[in-house]
């Protein structure tokens, strides 16, 4: 009986530790909701940055504003499919964060992965993107960004990929949505 209790206790403790290593968020947009889970144990700096924007309400009234599709990427050598959001006024941006590469975190750019947009290494601030289909060229040593660092993936969509695809299919000009999709808020739900 003691072995059973010990096993049950060990299972409960390991489950509790694992549960604490995942945070869940809800992105409420004007056309529906997207649920995410992020991994602070794997990408602590990136998740901490995202959490700071959420906790300070800085994503409220931002938008999904950019989409990459096979059609609008036709001229690029390395094509991707993503939607980008989280535009925050320059006056409210937090300091850029160091990049946590997919080699460091083990989080690959697969269908539904959420990752940080950036220009150069260590420049990510508020903007993030969600992958549609696998995007291995966004991983460390991928060829989308010439510096080879890739992008800092930090979580995945758990519900709402149909909405992500709906946003991607909206009318755009040069990858920018004609009518950006308003993000009402992003809230932590667990």
N, C-alpha and C. Protein backbone atom coordinates (compact mmCIF):
# COMPACT_ATOMS: atom_id res chain seq x y z
N UNK A 1 0.82 -1.20 0.00
CA UNK A 1 0.00 0.00 0.00
C UNK A 1 0.86 1.26 0.00
N UNK A 2 1.97 1.25 0.76
CA UNK A 2 2.84 2.41 0.79
C UNK A 2 3.44 2.69 -0.58
N UNK A 3 3.76 1.61 -1.34
CA UNK A 3 4.31 1.81 -2.68
C UNK A 3 3.29 2.51 -3.56
N UNK A 4 2.02 2.11 -3.43
CA UNK A 4 0.96 2.75 -4.21
C UNK A 4 0.85 4.23 -3.86
N UNK A 5 0.85 4.55 -2.59
CA UNK A 5 0.74 5.95 -2.14
C UNK A 5 1.95 6.74 -2.62
N UNK A 6 3.15 6.14 -2.50
CA UNK A 6 4.35 6.82 -2.95
C UNK A 6 4.31 7.08 -4.46
N UNK A 7 3.86 6.09 -5.22
CA UNK A 7 3.75 6.26 -6.67
C UNK A 7 2.73 7.34 -7.01
N UNK A 8 1.59 7.32 -6.33
CA UNK A 8 0.56 8.32 -6.58
C UNK A 8 1.07 9.72 -6.23
N UNK A 9 1.79 9.84 -5.12
CA UNK A 9 2.34 11.12 -4.70
C UNK A 9 3.38 11.62 -5.69
N UNK A 10 4.25 10.73 -6.13
CA UNK A 10 5.26 11.07 -7.11
C UNK A 10 4.62 11.53 -8.42
N UNK A 11 3.57 10.82 -8.86
CA UNK A 11 2.86 11.21 -10.07
C UNK A 11 2.26 12.61 -9.90
N UNK A 12 1.61 12.86 -8.78
CA UNK A 12 0.98 14.15 -8.52
C UNK A 12 2.02 15.27 -8.52
N UNK A 13 3.16 15.04 -7.88
CA UNK A 13 4.21 16.07 -7.82
C UNK A 13 4.76 16.34 -9.22
N UNK A 14 5.05 15.28 -9.98
CA UNK A 14 5.60 15.49 -11.32
C UNK A 14 4.56 16.14 -12.23
N UNK A 15 3.29 15.79 -12.08
CA UNK A 15 2.24 16.44 -12.86
C UNK A 15 2.15 17.91 -12.51
N UNK A 16 2.22 18.23 -11.23
CA UNK A 16 2.14 19.62 -10.78
C UNK A 16 3.30 20.44 -11.31
N UNK A 17 4.50 19.87 -11.28
CA UNK A 17 5.66 20.58 -11.81
C UNK A 17 5.48 20.81 -13.30
N UNK A 18 5.04 19.78 -14.03
CA UNK A 18 4.83 19.93 -15.47
C UNK A 18 3.75 20.98 -15.75
N UNK A 19 2.69 20.96 -15.00
CA UNK A 19 1.60 21.91 -15.21
C UNK A 19 2.07 23.34 -15.00
N UNK A 20 3.00 23.55 -14.08
CA UNK A 20 3.51 24.89 -13.83
C UNK A 20 4.42 25.37 -14.97
N UNK A 21 4.89 24.47 -15.79
CA UNK A 21 5.80 24.84 -16.86
C UNK A 21 5.07 25.21 -18.15
N UNK A 22 3.76 25.25 -18.11
CA UNK A 22 2.97 25.67 -19.26
C UNK A 22 2.03 26.78 -18.79
N UNK A 23 2.00 27.86 -19.55
CA UNK A 23 1.06 28.94 -19.29
C UNK A 23 0.10 28.99 -20.47
N UNK A 24 -1.17 29.24 -20.19
CA UNK A 24 -2.18 29.30 -21.25
C UNK A 24 -2.71 30.72 -21.38
N UNK A 25 -2.92 31.12 -22.63
CA UNK A 25 -3.38 32.47 -22.92
C UNK A 25 -4.53 32.43 -23.92
N UNK A 26 -5.35 33.46 -23.89
CA UNK A 26 -6.47 33.63 -24.81
C UNK A 26 -6.29 34.95 -25.55
N UNK A 27 -6.20 34.86 -26.87
CA UNK A 27 -6.17 36.05 -27.72
C UNK A 27 -7.60 36.28 -28.18
N UNK A 28 -8.20 37.38 -27.74
CA UNK A 28 -9.57 37.73 -28.14
C UNK A 28 -9.46 38.75 -29.28
N UNK A 29 -9.96 38.34 -30.46
CA UNK A 29 -9.97 39.26 -31.60
C UNK A 29 -11.40 39.65 -31.93
N UNK A 30 -11.53 40.60 -32.83
CA UNK A 30 -12.86 41.04 -33.23
C UNK A 30 -13.62 39.98 -34.02
N UNK A 31 -12.94 38.92 -34.47
CA UNK A 31 -13.62 37.89 -35.25
C UNK A 31 -13.57 36.51 -34.59
N UNK A 32 -13.06 36.43 -33.38
CA UNK A 32 -13.01 35.15 -32.67
C UNK A 32 -11.77 35.04 -31.79
N UNK A 33 -11.62 33.89 -31.16
CA UNK A 33 -10.57 33.69 -30.16
C UNK A 33 -9.56 32.63 -30.60
N UNK A 34 -8.34 32.81 -30.11
CA UNK A 34 -7.26 31.86 -30.33
C UNK A 34 -6.68 31.52 -28.96
N UNK A 35 -6.55 30.23 -28.65
CA UNK A 35 -5.95 29.81 -27.38
C UNK A 35 -4.53 29.33 -27.64
N UNK A 36 -3.64 29.68 -26.71
CA UNK A 36 -2.22 29.33 -26.80
C UNK A 36 -1.76 28.67 -25.53
N UNK A 37 -0.68 27.90 -25.65
CA UNK A 37 0.09 27.55 -24.48
C UNK A 37 1.53 27.92 -24.79
N UNK A 38 2.22 28.46 -23.77
CA UNK A 38 3.60 28.87 -23.93
C UNK A 38 4.45 28.14 -22.90
N UNK A 39 5.76 28.07 -23.15
CA UNK A 39 6.65 27.20 -22.39
C UNK A 39 7.77 27.97 -21.69
N UNK A 40 7.49 28.51 -20.49
CA UNK A 40 8.51 29.29 -19.79
C UNK A 40 9.73 28.48 -19.38
N UNK A 41 9.57 27.16 -19.24
CA UNK A 41 10.73 26.34 -18.88
C UNK A 41 11.70 26.21 -20.05
N UNK A 42 11.21 26.29 -21.27
CA UNK A 42 12.05 26.15 -22.47
C UNK A 42 12.53 27.50 -23.00
N UNK A 43 11.69 28.52 -22.93
CA UNK A 43 12.01 29.85 -23.48
C UNK A 43 11.67 30.93 -22.45
N UNK A 44 12.40 30.95 -21.32
CA UNK A 44 12.02 31.86 -20.23
C UNK A 44 12.08 33.34 -20.58
N UNK A 45 13.05 33.77 -21.35
CA UNK A 45 13.15 35.20 -21.68
C UNK A 45 12.03 35.62 -22.62
N UNK A 46 11.76 34.79 -23.60
CA UNK A 46 10.72 35.10 -24.59
C UNK A 46 9.34 35.07 -23.96
N UNK A 47 9.07 34.04 -23.16
CA UNK A 47 7.77 33.98 -22.46
C UNK A 47 7.66 35.14 -21.47
N UNK A 48 8.73 35.46 -20.77
CA UNK A 48 8.70 36.58 -19.83
C UNK A 48 8.37 37.89 -20.52
N UNK A 49 8.91 38.08 -21.72
CA UNK A 49 8.62 39.28 -22.51
C UNK A 49 7.14 39.31 -22.91
N UNK A 50 6.65 38.19 -23.45
CA UNK A 50 5.24 38.10 -23.84
C UNK A 50 4.34 38.36 -22.64
N UNK A 51 4.67 37.73 -21.51
CA UNK A 51 3.89 37.90 -20.28
C UNK A 51 3.86 39.36 -19.84
N UNK A 52 4.99 40.06 -19.96
CA UNK A 52 5.06 41.47 -19.55
C UNK A 52 4.13 42.33 -20.41
N UNK A 53 4.10 42.07 -21.72
CA UNK A 53 3.17 42.81 -22.59
C UNK A 53 1.72 42.50 -22.22
N UNK A 54 1.43 41.23 -21.93
CA UNK A 54 0.08 40.84 -21.53
C UNK A 54 -0.29 41.49 -20.21
N UNK A 55 0.57 41.34 -19.20
CA UNK A 55 0.27 41.86 -17.86
C UNK A 55 0.06 43.37 -17.84
N UNK A 56 0.74 44.07 -18.75
CA UNK A 56 0.61 45.53 -18.81
C UNK A 56 -0.49 45.98 -19.77
N UNK A 57 -1.25 45.03 -20.33
CA UNK A 57 -2.37 45.36 -21.22
C UNK A 57 -1.93 45.99 -22.53
N UNK A 58 -0.68 45.80 -22.91
CA UNK A 58 -0.16 46.48 -24.09
C UNK A 58 -0.64 45.89 -25.41
N UNK A 59 -1.13 44.65 -25.39
CA UNK A 59 -1.67 44.06 -26.62
C UNK A 59 -3.13 44.45 -26.86
N UNK A 60 -3.79 45.01 -25.85
CA UNK A 60 -5.18 45.44 -26.04
C UNK A 60 -5.22 46.51 -27.11
N UNK A 61 -6.10 46.31 -28.08
CA UNK A 61 -6.28 47.23 -29.21
C UNK A 61 -5.10 47.23 -30.18
N UNK A 62 -4.25 46.19 -30.11
CA UNK A 62 -3.26 46.01 -31.17
C UNK A 62 -3.97 45.23 -32.28
N UNK A 63 -3.22 44.59 -33.18
CA UNK A 63 -3.90 43.89 -34.27
C UNK A 63 -3.03 42.79 -34.87
N UNK A 64 -3.68 41.93 -35.65
CA UNK A 64 -2.99 41.09 -36.62
C UNK A 64 -2.96 41.94 -37.88
N UNK A 65 -1.77 42.25 -38.37
CA UNK A 65 -1.64 43.24 -39.43
C UNK A 65 -0.91 42.75 -40.67
N UNK A 66 -0.23 41.63 -40.59
CA UNK A 66 0.59 41.15 -41.72
C UNK A 66 0.35 39.67 -41.93
N UNK A 67 0.31 39.26 -43.19
CA UNK A 67 0.16 37.84 -43.53
C UNK A 67 1.14 37.47 -44.63
N UNK A 68 1.69 36.29 -44.53
CA UNK A 68 2.54 35.73 -45.58
C UNK A 68 1.82 34.51 -46.13
N UNK A 69 1.63 34.49 -47.44
CA UNK A 69 0.92 33.42 -48.12
C UNK A 69 1.77 32.91 -49.29
N UNK A 70 1.47 31.73 -49.83
CA UNK A 70 2.21 31.27 -51.00
C UNK A 70 2.15 32.28 -52.16
N UNK A 71 1.03 32.98 -52.28
CA UNK A 71 0.87 33.95 -53.37
C UNK A 71 1.73 35.20 -53.16
N UNK A 72 1.68 35.78 -51.96
CA UNK A 72 2.43 37.03 -51.76
C UNK A 72 3.91 36.79 -51.43
N UNK A 73 4.30 35.53 -51.32
CA UNK A 73 5.70 35.16 -51.11
C UNK A 73 6.33 34.61 -52.39
N UNK A 74 5.59 34.64 -53.51
CA UNK A 74 6.03 33.97 -54.75
C UNK A 74 7.41 34.43 -55.22
N UNK A 75 7.75 35.68 -55.00
CA UNK A 75 9.04 36.21 -55.46
C UNK A 75 10.20 35.90 -54.52
N UNK A 76 9.91 35.45 -53.32
CA UNK A 76 10.97 35.18 -52.33
C UNK A 76 11.56 33.80 -52.54
N UNK A 77 12.84 33.69 -52.32
CA UNK A 77 13.50 32.40 -52.44
C UNK A 77 13.02 31.44 -51.35
N UNK A 78 12.96 31.92 -50.11
CA UNK A 78 12.49 31.12 -48.98
C UNK A 78 11.11 31.63 -48.60
N UNK A 79 10.10 30.84 -48.88
CA UNK A 79 8.71 31.24 -48.65
C UNK A 79 8.23 30.73 -47.29
N UNK A 80 7.38 31.52 -46.65
CA UNK A 80 6.80 31.12 -45.37
C UNK A 80 5.30 31.42 -45.38
N UNK A 81 4.60 30.81 -44.41
CA UNK A 81 3.18 31.09 -44.19
C UNK A 81 2.99 31.41 -42.72
N UNK A 82 2.68 32.67 -42.43
CA UNK A 82 2.46 33.12 -41.05
C UNK A 82 1.45 34.25 -41.04
N UNK A 83 0.90 34.52 -39.85
CA UNK A 83 0.19 35.78 -39.61
C UNK A 83 0.96 36.48 -38.50
N UNK A 84 1.08 37.80 -38.60
CA UNK A 84 1.85 38.57 -37.62
C UNK A 84 0.94 39.55 -36.91
N UNK A 85 1.14 39.65 -35.60
CA UNK A 85 0.35 40.57 -34.80
C UNK A 85 1.15 41.14 -33.65
N UNK A 86 0.44 41.91 -32.81
CA UNK A 86 1.07 42.46 -31.61
C UNK A 86 1.76 43.78 -31.83
N UNK A 87 1.26 44.58 -32.77
CA UNK A 87 1.85 45.90 -32.98
C UNK A 87 1.47 46.81 -31.81
N UNK A 88 2.48 47.36 -31.18
CA UNK A 88 2.32 48.22 -30.01
C UNK A 88 2.95 49.57 -30.37
N UNK A 89 2.35 50.68 -29.97
CA UNK A 89 2.96 51.99 -30.27
C UNK A 89 4.40 52.05 -29.76
N UNK A 90 5.26 52.70 -30.55
CA UNK A 90 6.68 52.79 -30.19
C UNK A 90 6.91 53.30 -28.77
N UNK A 91 6.08 54.23 -28.33
CA UNK A 91 6.27 54.83 -26.99
C UNK A 91 6.00 53.83 -25.86
N UNK A 92 5.34 52.70 -26.18
CA UNK A 92 5.01 51.70 -25.16
C UNK A 92 5.86 50.43 -25.26
N UNK A 93 6.75 50.36 -26.25
CA UNK A 93 7.56 49.16 -26.43
C UNK A 93 8.51 48.96 -25.25
N UNK A 94 8.65 47.70 -24.87
CA UNK A 94 9.63 47.33 -23.85
C UNK A 94 10.97 47.11 -24.53
N UNK A 95 12.02 47.01 -23.74
CA UNK A 95 13.36 46.82 -24.30
C UNK A 95 13.43 45.53 -25.11
N UNK A 96 14.22 45.51 -26.19
CA UNK A 96 14.41 44.27 -26.97
C UNK A 96 14.99 43.17 -26.08
N UNK A 97 14.70 41.93 -26.47
CA UNK A 97 15.17 40.78 -25.69
C UNK A 97 16.20 39.97 -26.47
N UNK A 98 17.09 39.28 -25.76
CA UNK A 98 18.02 38.36 -26.42
C UNK A 98 17.25 37.23 -27.08
N UNK A 99 17.74 36.78 -28.21
CA UNK A 99 17.06 35.70 -28.94
C UNK A 99 17.34 34.35 -28.29
N UNK A 100 16.28 33.58 -28.08
CA UNK A 100 16.39 32.19 -27.64
C UNK A 100 16.10 31.35 -28.88
N UNK A 101 17.13 30.80 -29.48
CA UNK A 101 16.98 30.08 -30.74
C UNK A 101 16.28 28.73 -30.53
N UNK A 102 15.79 28.19 -31.64
CA UNK A 102 15.15 26.87 -31.58
C UNK A 102 16.16 25.80 -31.19
N UNK A 103 17.43 26.04 -31.46
CA UNK A 103 18.46 25.09 -31.03
C UNK A 103 18.55 25.05 -29.50
N UNK A 104 18.42 26.22 -28.87
CA UNK A 104 18.47 26.30 -27.41
C UNK A 104 17.20 25.75 -26.75
N UNK A 105 16.05 26.09 -27.32
CA UNK A 105 14.77 25.77 -26.67
C UNK A 105 14.20 24.42 -27.06
N UNK A 106 14.55 23.95 -28.26
CA UNK A 106 13.97 22.72 -28.78
C UNK A 106 12.57 22.91 -29.36
N UNK A 107 12.09 24.15 -29.41
CA UNK A 107 10.76 24.43 -29.96
C UNK A 107 10.92 24.77 -31.44
N UNK A 108 10.37 23.94 -32.28
CA UNK A 108 10.48 24.11 -33.73
C UNK A 108 9.27 24.87 -34.28
N UNK A 109 9.46 25.46 -35.43
CA UNK A 109 8.39 26.21 -36.10
C UNK A 109 7.50 25.25 -36.90
N UNK A 110 6.53 24.71 -36.20
CA UNK A 110 5.57 23.77 -36.80
C UNK A 110 4.23 24.47 -36.96
N UNK A 111 3.25 23.77 -37.51
CA UNK A 111 1.91 24.33 -37.64
C UNK A 111 1.39 24.77 -36.28
N UNK A 112 1.04 26.05 -36.15
CA UNK A 112 0.50 26.58 -34.91
C UNK A 112 1.52 27.17 -33.96
N UNK A 113 2.80 27.06 -34.25
CA UNK A 113 3.83 27.62 -33.36
C UNK A 113 3.71 29.13 -33.31
N UNK A 114 3.84 29.70 -32.10
CA UNK A 114 3.91 31.16 -31.93
C UNK A 114 5.37 31.51 -31.67
N UNK A 115 5.83 32.57 -32.33
CA UNK A 115 7.23 32.94 -32.29
C UNK A 115 7.34 34.47 -32.36
N UNK A 116 8.50 34.99 -32.02
CA UNK A 116 8.71 36.44 -32.02
C UNK A 116 9.22 36.93 -33.36
N UNK A 117 8.61 38.01 -33.87
CA UNK A 117 9.12 38.68 -35.06
C UNK A 117 10.34 39.51 -34.66
N UNK A 118 11.24 39.72 -35.61
CA UNK A 118 12.44 40.50 -35.32
C UNK A 118 13.07 40.96 -36.62
N UNK A 119 13.99 41.90 -36.50
CA UNK A 119 14.82 42.28 -37.63
C UNK A 119 16.15 41.55 -37.49
N UNK A 120 17.02 42.04 -36.61
CA UNK A 120 18.30 41.38 -36.36
C UNK A 120 18.23 40.56 -35.09
N UNK A 121 19.31 39.83 -34.77
CA UNK A 121 19.35 39.11 -33.50
C UNK A 121 19.17 40.09 -32.33
N UNK A 122 18.47 39.65 -31.31
CA UNK A 122 18.29 40.44 -30.08
C UNK A 122 17.51 41.74 -30.29
N UNK A 123 16.56 41.73 -31.23
CA UNK A 123 15.76 42.93 -31.49
C UNK A 123 14.27 42.72 -31.26
N UNK A 124 13.83 41.50 -30.90
CA UNK A 124 12.39 41.24 -30.74
C UNK A 124 11.83 42.08 -29.60
N UNK A 125 10.62 42.61 -29.83
CA UNK A 125 9.95 43.38 -28.79
C UNK A 125 8.52 42.88 -28.63
N UNK A 126 7.55 43.46 -29.32
CA UNK A 126 6.15 43.08 -29.09
C UNK A 126 5.57 42.18 -30.17
N UNK A 127 5.99 42.34 -31.41
CA UNK A 127 5.36 41.62 -32.52
C UNK A 127 5.68 40.13 -32.48
N UNK A 128 4.65 39.35 -32.74
CA UNK A 128 4.78 37.89 -32.77
C UNK A 128 4.10 37.37 -34.02
N UNK A 129 4.37 36.12 -34.35
CA UNK A 129 3.69 35.51 -35.49
C UNK A 129 3.29 34.10 -35.14
N UNK A 130 2.30 33.60 -35.89
CA UNK A 130 1.82 32.23 -35.75
C UNK A 130 2.04 31.53 -37.09
N UNK A 131 2.69 30.37 -37.04
CA UNK A 131 3.00 29.60 -38.24
C UNK A 131 1.78 28.85 -38.75
N UNK A 132 1.66 28.80 -40.06
CA UNK A 132 0.67 27.97 -40.73
C UNK A 132 1.47 26.93 -41.49
N UNK A 133 1.29 25.68 -41.13
CA UNK A 133 2.09 24.56 -41.63
C UNK A 133 3.51 24.65 -41.05
N UNK A 134 4.31 23.62 -41.27
CA UNK A 134 5.68 23.59 -40.76
C UNK A 134 6.52 24.64 -41.50
N UNK A 135 7.33 25.36 -40.75
CA UNK A 135 8.18 26.41 -41.30
C UNK A 135 9.63 26.21 -40.83
N UNK A 136 10.29 25.13 -41.26
CA UNK A 136 11.64 24.83 -40.76
C UNK A 136 12.68 25.88 -41.11
N UNK A 137 12.44 26.69 -42.12
CA UNK A 137 13.40 27.73 -42.48
C UNK A 137 13.41 28.89 -41.48
N UNK A 138 12.47 28.85 -40.50
CA UNK A 138 12.45 29.85 -39.43
C UNK A 138 13.21 29.35 -38.19
N UNK A 139 13.61 28.08 -38.19
CA UNK A 139 14.38 27.52 -37.09
C UNK A 139 15.84 27.97 -37.17
N UNK A 140 16.59 27.69 -36.13
CA UNK A 140 18.03 27.97 -36.11
C UNK A 140 18.69 27.32 -37.32
N UNK A 141 19.55 28.05 -37.97
CA UNK A 141 20.24 27.66 -39.21
C UNK A 141 19.30 27.60 -40.42
N UNK A 142 18.06 28.06 -40.25
CA UNK A 142 17.15 28.16 -41.38
C UNK A 142 17.59 29.31 -42.28
N UNK A 143 17.11 29.29 -43.50
CA UNK A 143 17.60 30.25 -44.49
C UNK A 143 16.72 31.48 -44.67
N UNK A 144 15.61 31.59 -43.93
CA UNK A 144 14.73 32.75 -44.12
C UNK A 144 15.44 34.05 -43.71
N UNK A 145 16.17 34.01 -42.62
CA UNK A 145 16.90 35.19 -42.17
C UNK A 145 18.38 34.94 -42.42
N UNK A 146 19.06 35.83 -43.13
CA UNK A 146 20.45 35.57 -43.52
C UNK A 146 21.41 35.37 -42.34
N UNK A 147 21.07 35.85 -41.15
CA UNK A 147 21.99 35.68 -40.03
C UNK A 147 21.99 34.25 -39.48
N UNK A 148 21.00 33.43 -39.87
CA UNK A 148 20.97 32.01 -39.49
C UNK A 148 20.50 31.72 -38.08
N UNK A 149 20.16 32.75 -37.31
CA UNK A 149 19.71 32.51 -35.93
C UNK A 149 18.26 32.02 -35.88
N UNK A 150 17.51 32.25 -36.95
CA UNK A 150 16.11 31.87 -36.93
C UNK A 150 15.32 32.82 -36.03
N UNK A 151 14.22 32.31 -35.50
CA UNK A 151 13.33 33.13 -34.68
C UNK A 151 13.05 32.41 -33.37
N UNK A 152 12.60 33.16 -32.37
CA UNK A 152 12.40 32.62 -31.02
C UNK A 152 10.98 32.09 -30.84
N UNK A 153 10.80 30.81 -31.11
CA UNK A 153 9.52 30.14 -30.88
C UNK A 153 9.34 29.94 -29.39
N UNK A 154 8.09 30.10 -28.90
CA UNK A 154 7.89 29.98 -27.45
C UNK A 154 6.58 29.33 -27.06
N UNK A 155 5.79 28.84 -28.02
CA UNK A 155 4.54 28.20 -27.66
C UNK A 155 3.81 27.69 -28.89
N UNK A 156 2.54 27.32 -28.68
CA UNK A 156 1.75 26.79 -29.78
C UNK A 156 0.26 27.10 -29.59
N UNK A 157 -0.44 27.19 -30.69
CA UNK A 157 -1.89 27.36 -30.66
C UNK A 157 -2.51 26.02 -30.28
N UNK A 158 -3.42 26.04 -29.32
CA UNK A 158 -4.12 24.82 -28.91
C UNK A 158 -5.56 24.80 -29.42
N UNK A 159 -6.09 25.96 -29.76
CA UNK A 159 -7.45 26.06 -30.29
C UNK A 159 -7.55 27.34 -31.11
N UNK A 160 -8.08 27.22 -32.32
CA UNK A 160 -8.31 28.41 -33.13
C UNK A 160 -7.48 28.51 -34.40
N UNK A 161 -6.89 27.39 -34.83
CA UNK A 161 -6.11 27.46 -36.08
C UNK A 161 -6.99 27.80 -37.28
N UNK A 162 -8.27 27.45 -37.22
CA UNK A 162 -9.16 27.83 -38.33
C UNK A 162 -9.27 29.35 -38.42
N UNK A 163 -9.23 30.03 -37.28
CA UNK A 163 -9.26 31.50 -37.27
C UNK A 163 -7.94 32.06 -37.80
N UNK A 164 -6.82 31.44 -37.45
CA UNK A 164 -5.52 31.86 -37.96
C UNK A 164 -5.54 31.80 -39.49
N UNK A 165 -6.05 30.71 -40.05
CA UNK A 165 -6.12 30.57 -41.51
C UNK A 165 -7.09 31.57 -42.12
N UNK A 166 -8.17 31.87 -41.41
CA UNK A 166 -9.13 32.86 -41.89
C UNK A 166 -8.47 34.24 -41.97
N UNK A 167 -7.67 34.57 -40.96
CA UNK A 167 -6.95 35.85 -40.97
C UNK A 167 -5.97 35.88 -42.13
N UNK A 168 -5.26 34.76 -42.34
CA UNK A 168 -4.28 34.69 -43.43
C UNK A 168 -4.92 34.91 -44.80
N UNK A 169 -6.19 34.53 -44.94
CA UNK A 169 -6.85 34.62 -46.24
C UNK A 169 -7.48 35.99 -46.51
N UNK A 170 -7.39 36.92 -45.56
CA UNK A 170 -7.99 38.25 -45.74
C UNK A 170 -7.25 39.04 -46.81
N UNK A 171 -7.93 40.04 -47.33
CA UNK A 171 -7.34 40.88 -48.38
C UNK A 171 -6.11 41.63 -47.85
N UNK A 172 -5.04 41.57 -48.66
CA UNK A 172 -3.80 42.23 -48.26
C UNK A 172 -3.16 42.91 -49.46
N UNK A 173 -2.28 43.86 -49.18
CA UNK A 173 -1.46 44.52 -50.19
C UNK A 173 -0.03 44.50 -49.68
N UNK A 174 0.85 43.89 -50.44
CA UNK A 174 2.26 43.77 -50.04
C UNK A 174 2.41 43.18 -48.64
N UNK A 175 1.61 42.17 -48.34
CA UNK A 175 1.60 41.40 -47.10
C UNK A 175 0.91 42.10 -45.93
N UNK A 176 0.49 43.33 -46.08
CA UNK A 176 -0.18 44.04 -44.99
C UNK A 176 -1.69 44.01 -45.21
N UNK A 177 -2.43 43.59 -44.19
CA UNK A 177 -3.88 43.48 -44.31
C UNK A 177 -4.50 44.84 -44.60
N UNK A 178 -5.41 44.87 -45.55
CA UNK A 178 -6.14 46.09 -45.88
C UNK A 178 -6.93 46.53 -44.64
N UNK A 179 -7.55 45.57 -43.97
CA UNK A 179 -8.27 45.84 -42.72
C UNK A 179 -7.68 44.94 -41.63
N UNK A 180 -6.69 45.45 -40.88
CA UNK A 180 -6.10 44.63 -39.82
C UNK A 180 -7.18 44.10 -38.87
N UNK A 181 -6.92 42.93 -38.30
CA UNK A 181 -7.86 42.30 -37.37
C UNK A 181 -7.51 42.75 -35.96
N UNK A 182 -8.44 43.45 -35.34
CA UNK A 182 -8.19 44.01 -34.01
C UNK A 182 -8.04 42.90 -32.97
N UNK A 183 -6.98 43.00 -32.16
CA UNK A 183 -6.81 42.17 -30.98
C UNK A 183 -7.42 42.95 -29.82
N UNK A 184 -8.55 42.48 -29.32
CA UNK A 184 -9.20 43.18 -28.20
C UNK A 184 -8.35 43.07 -26.94
N UNK A 185 -7.84 41.85 -26.70
CA UNK A 185 -6.99 41.64 -25.52
C UNK A 185 -6.30 40.29 -25.64
N UNK A 186 -5.26 40.15 -24.86
CA UNK A 186 -4.63 38.84 -24.62
C UNK A 186 -4.60 38.67 -23.12
N UNK A 187 -5.15 37.54 -22.65
CA UNK A 187 -5.25 37.30 -21.21
C UNK A 187 -4.68 35.94 -20.87
N UNK A 188 -4.04 35.87 -19.73
CA UNK A 188 -3.60 34.56 -19.23
C UNK A 188 -4.81 33.85 -18.64
N UNK A 189 -5.01 32.60 -19.02
CA UNK A 189 -6.17 31.85 -18.52
C UNK A 189 -5.75 30.68 -17.62
N UNK A 190 -4.45 30.41 -17.51
CA UNK A 190 -3.97 29.36 -16.59
C UNK A 190 -2.46 29.49 -16.43
